[in-house]
């Protein structure tokens, strides 16, 4: 399989967190670089995977923050577009478990304005995998153009998607309509159990996975927070545990999991095609590594994924859980 870089397409978001030290009558915010795809690109590069980010970066102060953050982590920005539109802002409120709830300010932002002329094979380059998801796949006017790029790239690279559902911004009917199309394009679909429940409320996870496999996706991973993750390869399933961790917050944990998964699959020589040689044991090992990456992200504030050196000397992975039969 290919040893080429991984490309990540999608948004950068300015994550603003309320700080407690503002004077009475004022609100103080601490702004950190975020956005699901950008977080994934940063985590991939820090793990040692050559990573190209495809984003529309504003020329405002937030855009400058994004460029500095991505470049400092080793992300290749030559595939980015310099955009006149403003950056997307998300104000995050954390609950007692460190989970973030976001209020988005995204209308007219740079991230969603992809044109067909910008989304070319030349911009993607020679890559082993193209990963995308989150709002880039559902926000007009660029979402349809992103889907067309995925279809064009699928003939030469592995396609990975994380829907990263944002119900406050996008109607759930949009996700339900588009998921079958995304599964027909994607070799890998990773999502959280919350995402899955919102898209298919009340449906057994095995039933949903089987439908998505039938649509075309080989590998589906459903993360479940402290319960670990479900791994499904063509309907054969297993679970992997989540490492114990003192959680500061969960911001960026899912994005870091995706990065760990893609990084491990790439180092095993499995990216670059349709994952034809991927077995359940290999997928579970990659997900176990990904869970460690996500846990380290949870141990610090904000979307600050670990570097490869932070995982050095740790065990290669715990044994996977017991495999299940299709349909379970």
Protein backbone atom coordinates (compact mmCIF):
# COMPACT_ATOMS: atom_id res chain seq x y z
CA UNK A 1 0.00 0.00 0.00
CA UNK A 2 0.98 3.67 -0.45
CA UNK A 3 3.39 5.47 1.86
CA UNK A 4 2.09 8.82 0.62
CA UNK A 5 0.80 11.53 2.99
CA UNK A 6 -2.69 11.73 4.44
CA UNK A 7 -4.83 14.70 3.40
CA UNK A 8 -7.43 16.19 5.73
CA UNK A 9 -10.13 18.48 4.34
CA UNK A 10 -12.39 20.69 6.43
CA UNK A 11 -12.77 23.55 8.80
CA UNK A 12 -10.71 25.41 11.34
CA UNK A 13 -12.75 26.82 14.21
CA UNK A 14 -11.80 29.33 16.89
CA UNK A 15 -12.83 27.58 20.11
CA UNK A 16 -13.61 30.20 22.75
CA UNK A 17 -13.80 29.05 26.38
CA UNK A 18 -15.28 31.20 29.14
CA UNK A 19 -12.66 32.05 31.77
CA UNK A 20 -13.68 32.61 35.40
CA UNK A 21 -11.54 35.68 36.12
CA UNK A 22 -13.49 38.41 34.30
CA UNK A 23 -14.53 41.53 36.25
CA UNK A 24 -18.24 41.79 37.15
CA UNK A 25 -20.35 42.64 34.15
CA UNK A 26 -17.78 41.32 31.66
CA UNK A 27 -17.20 38.00 29.90
CA UNK A 28 -13.64 36.84 29.30
CA UNK A 29 -12.88 34.25 26.65
CA UNK A 30 -9.77 32.17 26.02
CA UNK A 31 -9.55 31.34 22.32
CA UNK A 32 -7.81 28.17 21.15
CA UNK A 33 -7.44 26.81 17.61
CA UNK A 34 -9.89 23.99 16.90
CA UNK A 35 -12.30 22.50 14.39
CA UNK A 36 -12.63 18.74 13.94
CA UNK A 37 -10.69 18.32 10.68
CA UNK A 38 -7.97 20.77 11.76
CA UNK A 39 -7.63 18.92 15.08
CA UNK A 40 -7.26 15.63 13.21
CA UNK A 41 -4.59 17.09 10.93
CA UNK A 42 -2.62 18.40 13.91
CA UNK A 43 -2.83 15.07 15.73
CA UNK A 44 -1.77 13.11 12.65
CA UNK A 45 1.26 15.31 12.07
CA UNK A 46 2.30 15.15 15.73
CA UNK A 47 2.16 11.36 15.58
CA UNK A 48 4.57 11.41 12.65
CA UNK A 49 2.26 10.97 9.65
CA UNK A 50 3.01 13.41 6.80
CA UNK A 51 -0.21 15.42 6.70
CA UNK A 52 -1.59 17.89 4.17
CA UNK A 53 -4.42 20.15 5.34
CA UNK A 54 -6.98 21.40 2.83
CA UNK A 55 -8.76 24.34 4.39
CA UNK A 56 -10.01 27.80 3.52
CA UNK A 57 -8.09 29.98 5.98
CA UNK A 58 -9.33 33.50 6.62
CA UNK A 59 -7.03 36.50 6.61
CA UNK A 60 -8.44 37.61 10.00
CA UNK A 61 -6.71 37.24 13.37
CA UNK A 62 -8.19 33.78 13.92
CA UNK A 63 -6.86 32.64 10.54
CA UNK A 64 -3.38 33.72 11.60
CA UNK A 65 -3.79 31.69 14.79
CA UNK A 66 -4.79 28.62 12.75
CA UNK A 67 -1.81 28.92 10.40
CA UNK A 68 0.65 29.23 13.27
CA UNK A 69 -0.86 26.28 15.15
CA UNK A 70 -1.01 23.95 12.15
CA UNK A 71 2.48 24.81 10.92
CA UNK A 72 4.00 24.43 14.40
CA UNK A 73 2.64 20.88 14.51
CA UNK A 74 4.23 20.04 11.16
CA UNK A 75 1.12 20.18 8.95
CA UNK A 76 1.66 20.95 5.26
CA UNK A 77 -0.46 24.03 4.40
CA UNK A 78 0.32 24.22 0.68
CA UNK A 79 -3.16 22.85 -0.09
CA UNK A 80 -4.94 25.67 1.75
CA UNK A 81 -6.87 28.55 0.20
CA UNK A 82 -6.36 32.14 1.39
CA UNK A 83 -9.93 33.30 2.01
CA UNK A 84 -11.47 36.74 2.41
CA UNK A 85 -14.44 35.46 4.43
CA UNK A 86 -14.25 35.45 8.27
CA UNK A 87 -13.26 32.49 10.42
CA UNK A 88 -15.80 30.34 12.26
CA UNK A 89 -16.14 31.00 16.00
CA UNK A 90 -17.49 28.50 18.53
CA UNK A 91 -18.11 29.42 22.16
CA UNK A 92 -17.72 26.31 24.31
CA UNK A 93 -19.35 25.59 27.67
CA UNK A 94 -17.98 22.62 29.62
CA UNK A 95 -20.14 20.41 31.84
CA UNK A 96 -18.96 18.70 35.03
CA UNK A 97 -17.55 15.77 33.02
CA UNK A 98 -15.49 18.04 30.78
CA UNK A 99 -17.80 17.61 27.77
CA UNK A 100 -18.16 20.68 25.60
CA UNK A 101 -21.39 22.20 24.32
CA UNK A 102 -20.85 24.69 21.51
CA UNK A 103 -22.58 27.83 20.31
CA UNK A 104 -21.47 28.41 16.71
CA UNK A 105 -21.06 31.68 14.84
CA UNK A 106 -20.61 30.32 11.35
CA UNK A 107 -22.75 32.19 8.83
CA UNK A 108 -20.78 33.34 5.80
CA UNK A 109 -17.55 31.84 7.16
CA UNK A 110 -14.59 30.91 4.98
CA UNK A 111 -14.80 27.20 5.78
CA UNK A 112 -17.96 26.45 3.78
CA UNK A 113 -17.28 28.36 0.55
CA UNK A 114 -15.41 25.65 -1.36
CA UNK A 115 -15.85 25.98 -5.13
CA UNK A 116 -15.28 23.26 -7.75
CA UNK A 117 -12.31 25.24 -9.03
CA UNK A 118 -10.66 25.03 -5.61
CA UNK A 119 -11.33 21.33 -5.01
CA UNK A 120 -9.05 19.77 -7.59
CA UNK A 121 -6.95 16.62 -7.75
CA UNK A 122 -3.87 18.85 -7.81
CA UNK A 123 -4.84 20.42 -4.48
CA UNK A 124 -5.31 16.99 -2.90
CA UNK A 125 -2.03 15.72 -4.34
CA UNK A 126 -0.61 12.21 -4.19
CA UNK A 127 -2.05 10.93 -0.92
CA UNK A 128 -2.74 7.53 0.64
CA UNK A 129 -5.93 8.73 2.33
CA UNK A 130 -8.34 11.66 2.19
CA UNK A 131 -10.16 12.30 5.47
CA UNK A 132 -13.00 14.76 5.93
CA UNK A 133 -16.17 15.26 7.90
CA UNK A 134 -17.85 17.52 10.40
CA UNK A 135 -19.48 20.66 9.04
CA UNK A 136 -17.53 20.68 5.76
CA UNK A 137 -19.73 17.80 4.59
CA UNK A 138 -23.05 19.44 5.39
CA UNK A 139 -22.69 23.23 5.14
CA UNK A 140 -23.66 24.94 1.89
CA UNK A 141 -22.43 26.05 -0.54
CA UNK A 142 -19.33 23.86 -0.40
CA UNK A 143 -20.67 20.53 0.89
CA UNK A 144 -21.76 19.14 -2.48
CA UNK A 145 -18.40 20.09 -3.98
CA UNK A 146 -16.62 18.24 -1.18
CA UNK A 147 -18.67 15.10 -1.91
CA UNK A 148 -17.71 15.32 -5.57
CA UNK A 149 -14.04 15.53 -4.61
CA UNK A 150 -14.40 12.42 -2.43
CA UNK A 151 -15.93 10.52 -5.34
CA UNK A 152 -13.13 11.60 -7.66
CA UNK A 153 -10.41 10.71 -5.13
CA UNK A 154 -11.83 7.30 -4.14
CA UNK A 155 -10.29 5.66 -7.21
CA UNK A 156 -6.76 6.37 -5.95
CA UNK A 157 -6.89 6.76 -2.15
CA UNK A 158 -8.62 5.49 0.97
CA UNK A 159 -11.57 7.68 1.96
CA UNK A 160 -12.27 8.35 5.65
CA UNK A 161 -15.28 10.24 7.06
CA UNK A 162 -16.26 11.42 10.55
CA UNK A 163 -19.73 13.04 10.45
CA UNK A 164 -19.17 14.71 13.85
CA UNK A 165 -22.84 15.63 14.15
CA UNK A 166 -23.68 19.25 14.99
CA UNK A 167 -27.44 19.13 15.54
CA UNK A 168 -27.58 22.76 16.64
CA UNK A 169 -26.41 23.92 13.21
CA UNK A 170 -27.66 21.25 10.81
CA UNK A 171 -31.01 19.44 10.75
CA UNK A 172 -30.74 15.74 11.52
CA UNK A 173 -32.64 14.98 8.32
CA UNK A 174 -29.57 16.16 6.40
CA UNK A 175 -27.36 13.55 8.10
CA UNK A 176 -29.94 10.79 7.61
CA UNK A 177 -30.23 11.62 3.92
CA UNK A 178 -26.50 11.86 3.30
CA UNK A 179 -25.09 9.01 5.41
CA UNK A 180 -25.88 6.32 2.78
CA UNK A 181 -24.07 8.43 0.17
CA UNK A 182 -21.09 8.95 2.46
CA UNK A 183 -20.92 5.23 3.22
CA UNK A 184 -20.91 4.49 -0.50
CA UNK A 185 -17.88 6.77 -0.86
CA UNK A 186 -16.00 5.93 2.33
CA UNK A 187 -13.77 3.01 3.27
CA UNK A 188 -13.69 4.18 6.90
CA UNK A 189 -16.48 5.77 8.94
CA UNK A 190 -15.68 6.80 12.50
CA UNK A 191 -18.28 8.43 14.73
CA UNK A 192 -19.30 8.64 18.37
CA UNK A 193 -22.15 6.77 19.98
CA UNK A 194 -23.86 10.15 20.49
CA UNK A 195 -23.56 10.83 16.75
CA UNK A 196 -25.03 7.44 15.90
CA UNK A 197 -27.92 7.86 18.34
CA UNK A 198 -28.80 11.22 16.84
CA UNK A 199 -28.72 9.89 13.28
CA UNK A 200 -30.55 6.62 14.05
CA UNK A 201 -32.26 7.05 17.44
CA UNK A 202 -33.16 3.79 19.15
CA UNK A 203 -31.73 1.51 16.45
CA UNK A 204 -29.31 -1.26 17.51
CA UNK A 205 -25.73 -0.33 16.67
CA UNK A 206 -25.14 -3.64 14.88
CA UNK A 207 -28.13 -3.06 12.63
CA UNK A 208 -26.90 0.40 11.68
CA UNK A 209 -23.37 -0.86 11.05
CA UNK A 210 -24.64 -3.63 8.80
CA UNK A 211 -26.65 -1.14 6.73
CA UNK A 212 -23.60 1.07 6.34
CA UNK A 213 -21.42 -1.90 5.42
CA UNK A 214 -23.98 -2.87 2.79
CA UNK A 215 -23.74 0.67 1.39
CA UNK A 216 -19.99 0.23 0.90
CA UNK A 217 -17.97 1.07 4.03
CA UNK A 218 -15.52 -1.65 5.14
CA UNK A 219 -14.45 -0.28 8.53
CA UNK A 220 -16.80 1.38 11.02
CA UNK A 221 -15.61 2.53 14.45
CA UNK A 222 -18.05 3.83 17.05
CA UNK A 223 -16.36 5.54 19.99
CA UNK A 224 -18.11 5.28 23.36
CA UNK A 225 -16.12 7.55 25.67
CA UNK A 226 -14.97 5.73 28.82
CA UNK A 227 -16.49 2.50 27.47
CA UNK A 228 -13.95 2.30 24.65
CA UNK A 229 -14.94 1.71 21.05
CA UNK A 230 -16.82 -0.74 18.86
CA UNK A 231 -14.92 -1.89 15.78
CA UNK A 232 -16.80 -3.44 12.84
CA UNK A 233 -15.17 -4.82 9.69
CA UNK A 234 -17.68 -6.05 7.11
CA UNK A 235 -20.08 -6.97 9.94
CA UNK A 236 -17.58 -8.82 12.13
CA UNK A 237 -17.28 -6.89 15.39
CA UNK A 238 -15.26 -6.49 18.54
CA UNK A 239 -14.73 -3.89 21.26
CA UNK A 240 -11.58 -2.23 22.56
CA UNK A 241 -11.20 -0.64 26.00
CA UNK A 242 -10.58 2.99 26.85
CA UNK A 243 -7.44 3.56 28.93
CA UNK A 244 -8.04 5.02 32.39
CA UNK A 245 -7.41 8.78 32.43
CA UNK A 246 -7.96 11.79 34.65
CA UNK A 247 -10.15 13.87 32.33
CA UNK A 248 -9.53 17.61 32.12
CA UNK A 249 -11.92 17.95 29.19
CA UNK A 250 -12.90 15.91 26.14
CA UNK A 251 -12.36 18.67 23.56
CA UNK A 252 -10.69 17.17 20.47
CA UNK A 253 -10.68 13.62 21.84
CA UNK A 254 -12.72 12.20 18.96
CA UNK A 255 -10.55 13.98 16.41
CA UNK A 256 -7.42 12.61 18.08
CA UNK A 257 -8.94 9.12 17.99
CA UNK A 258 -9.46 9.46 14.24
CA UNK A 259 -5.86 10.57 13.82
CA UNK A 260 -4.55 7.66 15.89
CA UNK A 261 -6.63 5.22 13.85
CA UNK A 262 -5.42 6.54 10.48
CA UNK A 263 -1.84 6.82 11.69
CA UNK A 264 -1.77 3.21 12.85
CA UNK A 265 -3.39 1.91 9.67
CA UNK A 266 -0.86 3.84 7.61
CA UNK A 267 2.15 2.56 9.59
CA UNK A 268 0.81 -0.96 9.01
CA UNK A 269 0.75 -0.28 5.25
CA UNK A 270 -3.02 -0.56 5.01
CA UNK A 271 -3.97 2.84 3.58
CA UNK A 272 -3.93 3.66 -0.11
CA UNK A 273 -6.79 1.52 -1.39
CA UNK A 274 -10.05 -0.13 -0.42
CA UNK A 275 -8.69 -1.77 2.75
CA UNK A 276 -9.02 -5.14 1.01
CA UNK A 277 -6.42 -6.76 3.26
CA UNK A 278 -7.76 -5.36 6.53
CA UNK A 279 -8.87 -7.91 9.12
CA UNK A 280 -10.72 -7.40 12.39
CA UNK A 281 -7.62 -8.00 14.53
CA UNK A 282 -5.64 -5.32 12.67
CA UNK A 283 -8.53 -2.87 12.89
CA UNK A 284 -8.92 -3.52 16.62
CA UNK A 285 -5.20 -2.97 17.21
CA UNK A 286 -5.38 0.35 15.38
CA UNK A 287 -8.44 1.37 17.42
CA UNK A 288 -6.67 0.41 20.66
CA UNK A 289 -3.80 2.72 19.72
CA UNK A 290 -6.30 5.43 18.79
CA UNK A 291 -7.94 5.14 22.21
CA UNK A 292 -4.58 5.84 23.85
CA UNK A 293 -4.12 8.95 21.71
CA UNK A 294 -7.61 10.15 22.63
CA UNK A 295 -7.01 9.49 26.34
CA UNK A 296 -3.88 11.63 26.33
CA UNK A 297 -5.85 14.43 24.66
CA UNK A 298 -8.45 14.22 27.44
CA UNK A 299 -5.72 14.64 30.06
CA UNK A 300 -4.97 18.24 29.02
CA UNK A 301 -7.08 21.34 28.36
CA UNK A 302 -8.46 21.94 24.88
CA UNK A 303 -7.69 20.20 21.61
CA UNK A 304 -4.00 19.60 22.35
CA UNK A 305 -3.21 16.12 21.02
CA UNK A 306 -0.04 14.25 21.99
CA UNK A 307 3.21 14.04 20.04
CA UNK A 308 4.76 10.71 19.11
CA UNK A 309 7.27 11.10 21.94
CA UNK A 310 4.39 11.20 24.44
CA UNK A 311 3.46 7.65 23.45
CA UNK A 312 7.03 6.33 23.28
CA UNK A 313 7.65 3.34 25.51
CA UNK A 314 3.97 2.57 26.03
CA UNK A 315 2.73 -0.92 25.20
CA UNK A 316 1.76 -1.52 21.59
CA UNK A 317 -1.81 -2.21 22.60
CA UNK A 318 -3.98 -4.23 24.93
CA UNK A 319 -5.70 -7.37 23.72
CA UNK A 320 -8.93 -6.63 21.88
CA UNK A 321 -12.24 -7.72 23.27
CA UNK A 322 -14.04 -10.83 22.17
CA UNK A 323 -15.19 -10.71 18.55
CA UNK A 324 -18.87 -11.03 17.79
CA UNK A 325 -20.83 -12.49 14.94
CA UNK A 326 -22.36 -10.23 12.31
CA UNK A 327 -25.62 -8.68 13.48
CA UNK A 328 -24.71 -8.60 17.17
